[in-house]
Amino acid sequence: MKNSSKLLALLGLGALAFWRYKKATPEEKQKVNDLLNNAKDNLTKYGNDLKSKAEELKDKAEEKFNDLKSQAETKMDEAKEAVEEKVENAPQA
């Protein structure tokens, strides 16, 4: 299907939904509104859960990075001290 015919079909579907909503009884309208509000609430909850999980993973990654960084700095300092010690203890020519 071409984009124009897809757009036209979507527009027709929207018009049909609007017409059905306008012709619906107040009970049916309330049912549709409740369904939409429930879907909105579920999406908001899912978005908040996803955001908190992402923050949690970011914090874990930062913690792991800082841990590995400090380990690398410690090893580098130890290696530097070992080299300096060997240089000091090396026989002078």
PDB file of N, CA and C in Angstrom:
ATOM      1  N   MET A   1       0.827  -1.184   0.000  1.00  0.00           N
ATOM      2  CA  MET A   1       0.000   0.000   0.000  1.00  0.00           C
ATOM      3  C   MET A   1       0.870   1.244   0.000  1.00  0.00           C
ATOM      4  N   LYS A   2       0.428   2.207  -0.733  1.00  0.00           N
ATOM      5  CA  LYS A   2       1.148   3.470  -0.758  1.00  0.00           C
ATOM      6  C   LYS A   2       0.851   4.247   0.517  1.00  0.00           C
ATOM      7  N   ASN A   3       1.726   5.188   0.798  1.00  0.00           N
ATOM      8  CA  ASN A   3       1.554   5.995   2.002  1.00  0.00           C
ATOM      9  C   ASN A   3       0.252   6.780   1.988  1.00  0.00           C
ATOM     10  N   SER A   4      -0.129   7.270   0.823  1.00  0.00           N
ATOM     11  CA  SER A   4      -1.361   8.068   0.751  1.00  0.00           C
ATOM     12  C   SER A   4      -2.585   7.209   1.049  1.00  0.00           C
ATOM     13  N   SER A   5      -2.602   5.969   0.562  1.00  0.00           N
ATOM     14  CA  SER A   5      -3.760   5.115   0.835  1.00  0.00           C
ATOM     15  C   SER A   5      -3.765   4.660   2.293  1.00  0.00           C
ATOM     16  N   LYS A   6      -2.588   4.486   2.902  1.00  0.00           N
ATOM     17  CA  LYS A   6      -2.519   4.150   4.327  1.00  0.00           C
ATOM     18  C   LYS A   6      -3.053   5.307   5.163  1.00  0.00           C
ATOM     19  N   LEU A   7      -2.660   6.499   4.796  1.00  0.00           N
ATOM     20  CA  LEU A   7      -3.119   7.686   5.510  1.00  0.00           C
ATOM     21  C   LEU A   7      -4.629   7.858   5.356  1.00  0.00           C
ATOM     22  N   LEU A   8      -5.120   7.612   4.173  1.00  0.00           N
ATOM     23  CA  LEU A   8      -6.555   7.721   3.918  1.00  0.00           C
ATOM     24  C   LEU A   8      -7.328   6.679   4.723  1.00  0.00           C
ATOM     25  N   ALA A   9      -6.816   5.463   4.804  1.00  0.00           N
ATOM     26  CA  ALA A   9      -7.468   4.417   5.590  1.00  0.00           C
ATOM     27  C   ALA A   9      -7.468   4.782   7.069  1.00  0.00           C
ATOM     28  N   LEU A  10      -6.371   5.314   7.552  1.00  0.00           N
ATOM     29  CA  LEU A  10      -6.281   5.727   8.952  1.00  0.00           C
ATOM     30  C   LEU A  10      -7.245   6.872   9.243  1.00  0.00           C
ATOM     31  N   LEU A  11      -7.337   7.800   8.332  1.00  0.00           N
ATOM     32  CA  LEU A  11      -8.266   8.918   8.484  1.00  0.00           C
ATOM     33  C   LEU A  11      -9.710   8.418   8.501  1.00  0.00           C
ATOM     34  N   GLY A  12     -10.028   7.476   7.629  1.00  0.00           N
ATOM     35  CA  GLY A  12     -11.373   6.895   7.599  1.00  0.00           C
ATOM     36  C   GLY A  12     -11.692   6.152   8.881  1.00  0.00           C
ATOM     37  N   LEU A  13     -10.725   5.431   9.399  1.00  0.00           N
ATOM     38  CA  LEU A  13     -10.918   4.713  10.654  1.00  0.00           C
ATOM     39  C   LEU A  13     -11.148   5.680  11.805  1.00  0.00           C
ATOM     40  N   GLY A  14     -10.401   6.768  11.809  1.00  0.00           N
ATOM     41  CA  GLY A  14     -10.591   7.793  12.839  1.00  0.00           C
ATOM     42  C   GLY A  14     -11.963   8.439  12.746  1.00  0.00           C
ATOM     43  N   ALA A  15     -12.399   8.709  11.530  1.00  0.00           N
ATOM     44  CA  ALA A  15     -13.722   9.312  11.335  1.00  0.00           C
ATOM     45  C   ALA A  15     -14.822   8.358  11.793  1.00  0.00           C
ATOM     46  N   LEU A  16     -14.668   7.078  11.501  1.00  0.00           N
ATOM     47  CA  LEU A  16     -15.646   6.082  11.935  1.00  0.00           C
ATOM     48  C   LEU A  16     -15.690   5.998  13.460  1.00  0.00           C
ATOM     49  N   ALA A  17     -14.533   5.997  14.082  1.00  0.00           N
ATOM     50  CA  ALA A  17     -14.483   5.942  15.546  1.00  0.00           C
ATOM     51  C   ALA A  17     -15.133   7.181  16.154  1.00  0.00           C
ATOM     52  N   PHE A  18     -14.860   8.339  15.583  1.00  0.00           N
ATOM     53  CA  PHE A  18     -15.463   9.586  16.076  1.00  0.00           C
ATOM     54  C   PHE A  18     -16.981   9.544  15.933  1.00  0.00           C
ATOM     55  N   TRP A  19     -17.463   9.084  14.791  1.00  0.00           N
ATOM     56  CA  TRP A  19     -18.905   8.999  14.546  1.00  0.00           C
ATOM     57  C   TRP A  19     -19.571   8.043  15.529  1.00  0.00           C
ATOM     58  N   ARG A  20     -18.922   6.876  15.757  1.00  0.00           N
ATOM     59  CA  ARG A  20     -19.468   5.895  16.704  1.00  0.00           C
ATOM     60  C   ARG A  20     -19.494   6.463  18.110  1.00  0.00           C
ATOM     61  N   TYR A  21     -18.465   7.217  18.474  1.00  0.00           N
ATOM     62  CA  TYR A  21     -18.420   7.812  19.814  1.00  0.00           C
ATOM     63  C   TYR A  21     -19.524   8.850  19.976  1.00  0.00           C
ATOM     64  N   LYS A  22     -19.728   9.671  18.955  1.00  0.00           N
ATOM     65  CA  LYS A  22     -20.765  10.709  19.023  1.00  0.00           C
ATOM     66  C   LYS A  22     -22.168  10.093  19.103  1.00  0.00           C
ATOM     67  N   LYS A  23     -22.374   8.951  18.461  1.00  0.00           N
ATOM     68  CA  LYS A  23     -23.681   8.297  18.455  1.00  0.00           C
ATOM     69  C   LYS A  23     -23.886   7.391  19.674  1.00  0.00           C
ATOM     70  N   ALA A  24     -22.841   7.183  20.475  1.00  0.00           N
ATOM     71  CA  ALA A  24     -22.914   6.249  21.601  1.00  0.00           C
ATOM     72  C   ALA A  24     -23.757   6.818  22.737  1.00  0.00           C
ATOM     73  N   THR A  25     -24.264   5.903  23.550  1.00  0.00           N
ATOM     74  CA  THR A  25     -25.018   6.309  24.737  1.00  0.00           C
ATOM     75  C   THR A  25     -24.037   6.824  25.788  1.00  0.00           C
ATOM     76  N   PRO A  26     -24.518   7.554  26.771  1.00  0.00           N
ATOM     77  CA  PRO A  26     -23.613   8.035  27.826  1.00  0.00           C
ATOM     78  C   PRO A  26     -22.875   6.896  28.546  1.00  0.00           C
ATOM     79  N   GLU A  27     -23.531   5.738  28.704  1.00  0.00           N
ATOM     80  CA  GLU A  27     -22.865   4.597  29.346  1.00  0.00           C
ATOM     81  C   GLU A  27     -21.710   4.087  28.483  1.00  0.00           C
ATOM     82  N   GLU A  28     -21.953   4.007  27.182  1.00  0.00           N
ATOM     83  CA  GLU A  28     -20.894   3.551  26.272  1.00  0.00           C
ATOM     84  C   GLU A  28     -19.742   4.553  26.239  1.00  0.00           C
ATOM     85  N   LYS A  29     -20.077   5.844  26.257  1.00  0.00           N
ATOM     86  CA  LYS A  29     -19.029   6.871  26.285  1.00  0.00           C
ATOM     87  C   LYS A  29     -18.206   6.757  27.558  1.00  0.00           C
ATOM     88  N   GLN A  30     -18.883   6.518  28.686  1.00  0.00           N
ATOM     89  CA  GLN A  30     -18.164   6.375  29.949  1.00  0.00           C
ATOM     90  C   GLN A  30     -17.258   5.147  29.911  1.00  0.00           C
ATOM     91  N   LYS A  31     -17.731   4.085  29.285  1.00  0.00           N
ATOM     92  CA  LYS A  31     -16.931   2.865  29.162  1.00  0.00           C
ATOM     93  C   LYS A  31     -15.662   3.139  28.346  1.00  0.00           C
ATOM     94  N   VAL A  32     -15.807   3.873  27.256  1.00  0.00           N
ATOM     95  CA  VAL A  32     -14.652   4.233  26.426  1.00  0.00           C
ATOM     96  C   VAL A  32     -13.695   5.130  27.208  1.00  0.00           C
ATOM     97  N   ASN A  33     -14.245   6.118  27.919  1.00  0.00           N
ATOM     98  CA  ASN A  33     -13.400   7.012  28.716  1.00  0.00           C
ATOM     99  C   ASN A  33     -12.647   6.248  29.796  1.00  0.00           C
ATOM    100  N   ASP A  34     -13.338   5.308  30.460  1.00  0.00           N
ATOM    101  CA  ASP A  34     -12.681   4.499  31.490  1.00  0.00           C
ATOM    102  C   ASP A  34     -11.560   3.657  30.890  1.00  0.00           C
ATOM    103  N   LEU A  35     -11.825   3.095  29.714  1.00  0.00           N
ATOM    104  CA  LEU A  35     -10.807   2.287  29.045  1.00  0.00           C
ATOM    105  C   LEU A  35      -9.579   3.129  28.704  1.00  0.00           C
ATOM    106  N   LEU A  36      -9.807   4.330  28.175  1.00  0.00           N
ATOM    107  CA  LEU A  36      -8.689   5.209  27.824  1.00  0.00           C
ATOM    108  C   LEU A  36      -7.927   5.670  29.064  1.00  0.00           C
ATOM    109  N   ASN A  37      -8.645   6.009  30.134  1.00  0.00           N
ATOM    110  CA  ASN A  37      -7.976   6.428  31.368  1.00  0.00           C
ATOM    111  C   ASN A  37      -7.164   5.291  31.970  1.00  0.00           C
ATOM    112  N   ASN A  38      -7.709   4.077  31.911  1.00  0.00           N
ATOM    113  CA  ASN A  38      -6.994   2.912  32.422  1.00  0.00           C
ATOM    114  C   ASN A  38      -5.723   2.667  31.612  1.00  0.00           C
ATOM    115  N   ALA A  39      -5.828   2.779  30.294  1.00  0.00           N
ATOM    116  CA  ALA A  39      -4.654   2.597  29.436  1.00  0.00           C
ATOM    117  C   ALA A  39      -3.610   3.668  29.727  1.00  0.00           C
ATOM    118  N   LYS A  40      -4.053   4.898  29.930  1.00  0.00           N
ATOM    119  CA  LYS A  40      -3.132   5.999  30.252  1.00  0.00           C
ATOM    120  C   LYS A  40      -2.424   5.737  31.574  1.00  0.00           C
ATOM    121  N   ASP A  41      -3.185   5.293  32.577  1.00  0.00           N
ATOM    122  CA  ASP A  41      -2.589   4.994  33.883  1.00  0.00           C
ATOM    123  C   ASP A  41      -1.571   3.859  33.787  1.00  0.00           C
ATOM    124  N   ASN A  42      -1.910   2.833  33.007  1.00  0.00           N
ATOM    125  CA  ASN A  42      -0.982   1.713  32.835  1.00  0.00           C
ATOM    126  C   ASN A  42       0.297   2.155  32.133  1.00  0.00           C
ATOM    127  N   LEU A  43       0.166   2.998  31.118  1.00  0.00           N
ATOM    128  CA  LEU A  43       1.347   3.492  30.415  1.00  0.00           C
ATOM    129  C   LEU A  43       2.204   4.368  31.318  1.00  0.00           C
ATOM    130  N   THR A  44       1.571   5.184  32.135  1.00  0.00           N
ATOM    131  CA  THR A  44       2.311   6.033  33.071  1.00  0.00           C
ATOM    132  C   THR A  44       3.065   5.179  34.077  1.00  0.00           C
ATOM    133  N   LYS A  45       2.395   4.157  34.603  1.00  0.00           N
ATOM    134  CA  LYS A  45       3.034   3.259  35.571  1.00  0.00           C
ATOM    135  C   LYS A  45       4.214   2.535  34.917  1.00  0.00           C
ATOM    136  N   TYR A  46       4.004   2.038  33.706  1.00  0.00           N
ATOM    137  CA  TYR A  46       5.069   1.338  32.996  1.00  0.00           C
ATOM    138  C   TYR A  46       6.245   2.274  32.731  1.00  0.00           C
ATOM    139  N   GLY A  47       5.958   3.504  32.339  1.00  0.00           N
ATOM    140  CA  GLY A  47       7.022   4.484  32.097  1.00  0.00           C
ATOM    141  C   GLY A  47       7.798   4.796  33.357  1.00  0.00           C
ATOM    142  N   ASN A  48       7.097   4.949  34.477  1.00  0.00           N
ATOM    143  CA  ASN A  48       7.777   5.220  35.745  1.00  0.00           C
ATOM    144  C   ASN A  48       8.628   4.035  36.185  1.00  0.00           C
ATOM    145  N   ASP A  49       8.102   2.816  36.005  1.00  0.00           N
ATOM    146  CA  ASP A  49       8.875   1.621  36.348  1.00  0.00           C
ATOM    147  C   ASP A  49      10.128   1.527  35.488  1.00  0.00           C
ATOM    148  N   LEU A  50       9.970   1.814  34.213  1.00  0.00           N
ATOM    149  CA  LEU A  50      11.103   1.763  33.297  1.00  0.00           C
ATOM    150  C   LEU A  50      12.148   2.810  33.657  1.00  0.00           C
ATOM    151  N   LYS A  51      11.697   3.997  34.017  1.00  0.00           N
ATOM    152  CA  LYS A  51      12.614   5.070  34.399  1.00  0.00           C
ATOM    153  C   LYS A  51      13.378   4.709  35.665  1.00  0.00           C
ATOM    154  N   SER A  52      12.687   4.161  36.664  1.00  0.00           N
ATOM    155  CA  SER A  52      13.369   3.800  37.910  1.00  0.00           C
ATOM    156  C   SER A  52      14.356   2.663  37.678  1.00  0.00           C
ATOM    157  N   LYS A  53      14.020   1.715  36.818  1.00  0.00           N
ATOM    158  CA  LYS A  53      14.940   0.611  36.506  1.00  0.00           C
ATOM    159  C   LYS A  53      16.176   1.145  35.788  1.00  0.00           C
ATOM    160  N   ALA A  54      15.984   2.091  34.887  1.00  0.00           N
ATOM    161  CA  ALA A  54      17.121   2.687  34.178  1.00  0.00           C
ATOM    162  C   ALA A  54      18.026   3.440  35.146  1.00  0.00           C
ATOM    163  N   GLU A  55      17.444   4.178  36.082  1.00  0.00           N
ATOM    164  CA  GLU A  55      18.239   4.892  37.091  1.00  0.00           C
ATOM    165  C   GLU A  55      19.020   3.906  37.947  1.00  0.00           C
ATOM    166  N   GLU A  56      18.365   2.813  38.318  1.00  0.00           N
ATOM    167  CA  GLU A  56      19.012   1.787  39.133  1.00  0.00           C
ATOM    168  C   GLU A  56      20.206   1.183  38.390  1.00  0.00           C
ATOM    169  N   LEU A  57      20.018   0.870  37.120  1.00  0.00           N
ATOM    170  CA  LEU A  57      21.104   0.298  36.324  1.00  0.00           C
ATOM    171  C   LEU A  57      22.235   1.303  36.130  1.00  0.00           C
ATOM    172  N   LYS A  58      21.889   2.573  35.964  1.00  0.00           N
ATOM    173  CA  LYS A  58      22.910   3.611  35.820  1.00  0.00           C
ATOM    174  C   LYS A  58      23.739   3.718  37.091  1.00  0.00           C
ATOM    175  N   ASP A  59      23.070   3.681  38.238  1.00  0.00           N
ATOM    176  CA  ASP A  59      23.785   3.757  39.509  1.00  0.00           C
ATOM    177  C   ASP A  59      24.705   2.554  39.705  1.00  0.00           C
ATOM    178  N   LYS A  60      24.229   1.358  39.332  1.00  0.00           N
ATOM    179  CA  LYS A  60      25.063   0.157  39.443  1.00  0.00           C
ATOM    180  C   LYS A  60      26.285   0.263  38.534  1.00  0.00           C
ATOM    181  N   ALA A  61      26.079   0.767  37.320  1.00  0.00           N
ATOM    182  CA  ALA A  61      27.190   0.902  36.375  1.00  0.00           C
ATOM    183  C   ALA A  61      28.213   1.910  36.884  1.00  0.00           C
ATOM    184  N   GLU A  62      27.749   3.034  37.431  1.00  0.00           N
ATOM    185  CA  GLU A  62      28.673   4.030  37.987  1.00  0.00           C
ATOM    186  C   GLU A  62      29.457   3.450  39.155  1.00  0.00           C
ATOM    187  N   GLU A  63      28.779   2.689  40.009  1.00  0.00           N
ATOM    188  CA  GLU A  63      29.435   2.076  41.162  1.00  0.00           C
ATOM    189  C   GLU A  63      30.508   1.088  40.703  1.00  0.00           C
ATOM    190  N   LYS A  64      30.180   0.272  39.717  1.00  0.00           N
ATOM    191  CA  LYS A  64      31.141  -0.712  39.198  1.00  0.00           C
ATOM    192  C   LYS A  64      32.319   0.007  38.547  1.00  0.00           C
ATOM    193  N   PHE A  65      32.036   1.064  37.786  1.00  0.00           N
ATOM    194  CA  PHE A  65      33.103   1.825  37.143  1.00  0.00           C
ATOM    195  C   PHE A  65      34.046   2.416  38.177  1.00  0.00           C
ATOM    196  N   ASN A  66      33.478   3.038  39.216  1.00  0.00           N
ATOM    197  CA  ASN A  66      34.313   3.640  40.257  1.00  0.00           C
ATOM    198  C   ASN A  66      35.129   2.585  40.992  1.00  0.00           C
ATOM    199  N   ASP A  67      34.551   1.410  41.211  1.00  0.00           N
ATOM    200  CA  ASP A  67      35.271   0.321  41.870  1.00  0.00           C
ATOM    201  C   ASP A  67      36.449  -0.137  41.009  1.00  0.00           C
ATOM    202  N   LEU A  68      36.200  -0.353  39.727  1.00  0.00           N
ATOM    203  CA  LEU A  68      37.276  -0.787  38.828  1.00  0.00           C
ATOM    204  C   LEU A  68      38.340   0.296  38.677  1.00  0.00           C
ATOM    205  N   LYS A  69      37.922   1.547  38.652  1.00  0.00           N
ATOM    206  CA  LYS A  69      38.863   2.656  38.542  1.00  0.00           C
ATOM    207  C   LYS A  69      39.776   2.698  39.756  1.00  0.00           C
ATOM    208  N   SER A  70      39.209   2.540  40.951  1.00  0.00           N
ATOM    209  CA  SER A  70      40.041   2.571  42.161  1.00  0.00           C
ATOM    210  C   SER A  70      40.968   1.364  42.213  1.00  0.00           C
ATOM    211  N   GLN A  71      40.507   0.216  41.749  1.00  0.00           N
ATOM    212  CA  GLN A  71      41.381  -0.964  41.696  1.00  0.00           C
ATOM    213  C   GLN A  71      42.542  -0.728  40.741  1.00  0.00           C
ATOM    214  N   ALA A  72      42.261  -0.132  39.594  1.00  0.00           N
ATOM    215  CA  ALA A  72      43.318   0.145  38.620  1.00  0.00           C
ATOM    216  C   ALA A  72      44.309   1.158  39.174  1.00  0.00           C
ATOM    217  N   GLU A  73      43.821   2.177  39.863  1.00  0.00           N
ATOM    218  CA  GLU A  73      44.722   3.173  40.453  1.00  0.00           C
ATOM    219  C   GLU A  73      45.596   2.542  41.530  1.00  0.00           C
ATOM    220  N   THR A  74      45.028   1.653  42.329  1.00  0.00           N
ATOM    221  CA  THR A  74      45.799   0.964  43.365  1.00  0.00           C
ATOM    222  C   THR A  74      46.889   0.111  42.736  1.00  0.00           C
ATOM    223  N   LYS A  75      46.546  -0.650  41.716  1.00  0.00           N
ATOM    224  CA  LYS A  75      47.541  -1.500  41.041  1.00  0.00           C
ATOM    225  C   LYS A  75      48.626  -0.645  40.399  1.00  0.00           C
ATOM    226  N   MET A  76      48.235   0.485  39.817  1.00  0.00           N
ATOM    227  CA  MET A  76      49.210   1.368  39.191  1.00  0.00           C
ATOM    228  C   MET A  76      50.163   1.934  40.244  1.00  0.00           C
ATOM    229  N   ASP A  77      49.632   2.328  41.398  1.00  0.00           N
ATOM    230  CA  ASP A  77      50.486   2.839  42.471  1.00  0.00           C
ATOM    231  C   ASP A  77      51.434   1.761  42.981  1.00  0.00           C
ATOM    232  N   GLU A  78      50.933   0.538  43.119  1.00  0.00           N
ATOM    233  CA  GLU A  78      51.785  -0.565  43.566  1.00  0.00           C
ATOM    234  C   GLU A  78      52.898  -0.834  42.561  1.00  0.00           C
ATOM    235  N   ALA A  79      52.567  -0.822  41.279  1.00  0.00           N
ATOM    236  CA  ALA A  79      53.573  -1.061  40.246  1.00  0.00           C
ATOM    237  C   ALA A  79      54.599   0.067  40.237  1.00  0.00           C
ATOM    238  N   LYS A  80      54.151   1.291  40.415  1.00  0.00           N
ATOM    239  CA  LYS A  80      55.053   2.445  40.447  1.00  0.00           C
ATOM    240  C   LYS A  80      56.017   2.328  41.621  1.00  0.00           C
ATOM    241  N   GLU A  81      55.501   1.946  42.795  1.00  0.00           N
ATOM    242  CA  GLU A  81      56.360   1.769  43.966  1.00  0.00           C
ATOM    243  C   GLU A  81      57.361   0.647  43.750  1.00  0.00           C
ATOM    244  N   ALA A  82      56.937  -0.435  43.117  1.00  0.00           N
ATOM    245  CA  ALA A  82      57.842  -1.554  42.859  1.00  0.00           C
ATOM    246  C   ALA A  82      58.959  -1.127  41.915  1.00  0.00           C
ATOM    247  N   VAL A  83      58.631  -0.367  40.900  1.00  0.00           N
ATOM    248  CA  VAL A  83      59.649   0.100  39.954  1.00  0.00           C
ATOM    249  C   VAL A  83      60.612   1.049  40.650  1.00  0.00           C
ATOM    250  N   GLU A  84      60.091   1.969  41.461  1.00  0.00           N
ATOM    251  CA  GLU A  84      60.960   2.906  42.179  1.00  0.00           C
ATOM    252  C   GLU A  84      61.878   2.161  43.142  1.00  0.00           C
ATOM    253  N   GLU A  85      61.367   1.130  43.776  1.00  0.00           N
ATOM    254  CA  GLU A  85      62.179   0.339  44.702  1.00  0.00           C
ATOM    255  C   GLU A  85      63.293  -0.387  43.957  1.00  0.00           C
ATOM    256  N   LYS A  86      62.975  -0.936  42.793  1.00  0.00           N
ATOM    257  CA  LYS A  86      63.995  -1.632  42.008  1.00  0.00           C
ATOM    258  C   LYS A  86      65.054  -0.657  41.516  1.00  0.00           C
ATOM    259  N   VAL A  87      64.637   0.549  41.158  1.00  0.00           N
ATOM    260  CA  VAL A  87      65.595   1.554  40.689  1.00  0.00           C
ATOM    261  C   VAL A  87      66.519   1.954  41.834  1.00  0.00           C
ATOM    262  N   GLU A  88      65.978   2.110  43.037  1.00  0.00           N
ATOM    263  CA  GLU A  88      66.790   2.492  44.190  1.00  0.00           C
ATOM    264  C   GLU A  88      67.751   1.379  44.587  1.00  0.00           C
ATOM    265  N   ASN A  89      67.333   0.141  44.452  1.00  0.00           N
ATOM    266  CA  ASN A  89      68.165  -0.991  44.862  1.00  0.00           C
ATOM    267  C   ASN A  89      69.080  -1.491  43.754  1.00  0.00           C
ATOM    268  N   ALA A  90      68.958  -0.936  42.577  1.00  0.00           N
ATOM    269  CA  ALA A  90      69.801  -1.372  41.462  1.00  0.00           C
ATOM    270  C   ALA A  90      71.236  -0.921  41.721  1.00  0.00           C
ATOM    271  N   PRO A  91      72.194  -1.789  41.360  1.00  0.00           N
ATOM    272  CA  PRO A  91      73.600  -1.400  41.544  1.00  0.00           C
ATOM    273  C   PRO A  91      73.954  -0.212  40.649  1.00  0.00           C
ATOM    274  N   GLN A  92      74.667   0.729  41.245  1.00  0.00           N
ATOM    275  CA  GLN A  92      75.074   1.930  40.522  1.00  0.00           C
ATOM    276  C   GLN A  92      76.312   1.610  39.689  1.00  0.00           C
ATOM    277  N   ALA A  93      76.394   2.086  38.500  1.00  0.00           N
ATOM    278  CA  ALA A  93      77.532   1.813  37.631  1.00  0.00           C
ATOM    279  C   ALA A  93      78.635   2.804  37.815  1.00  0.00           C
TER     280      ALA A  93
END
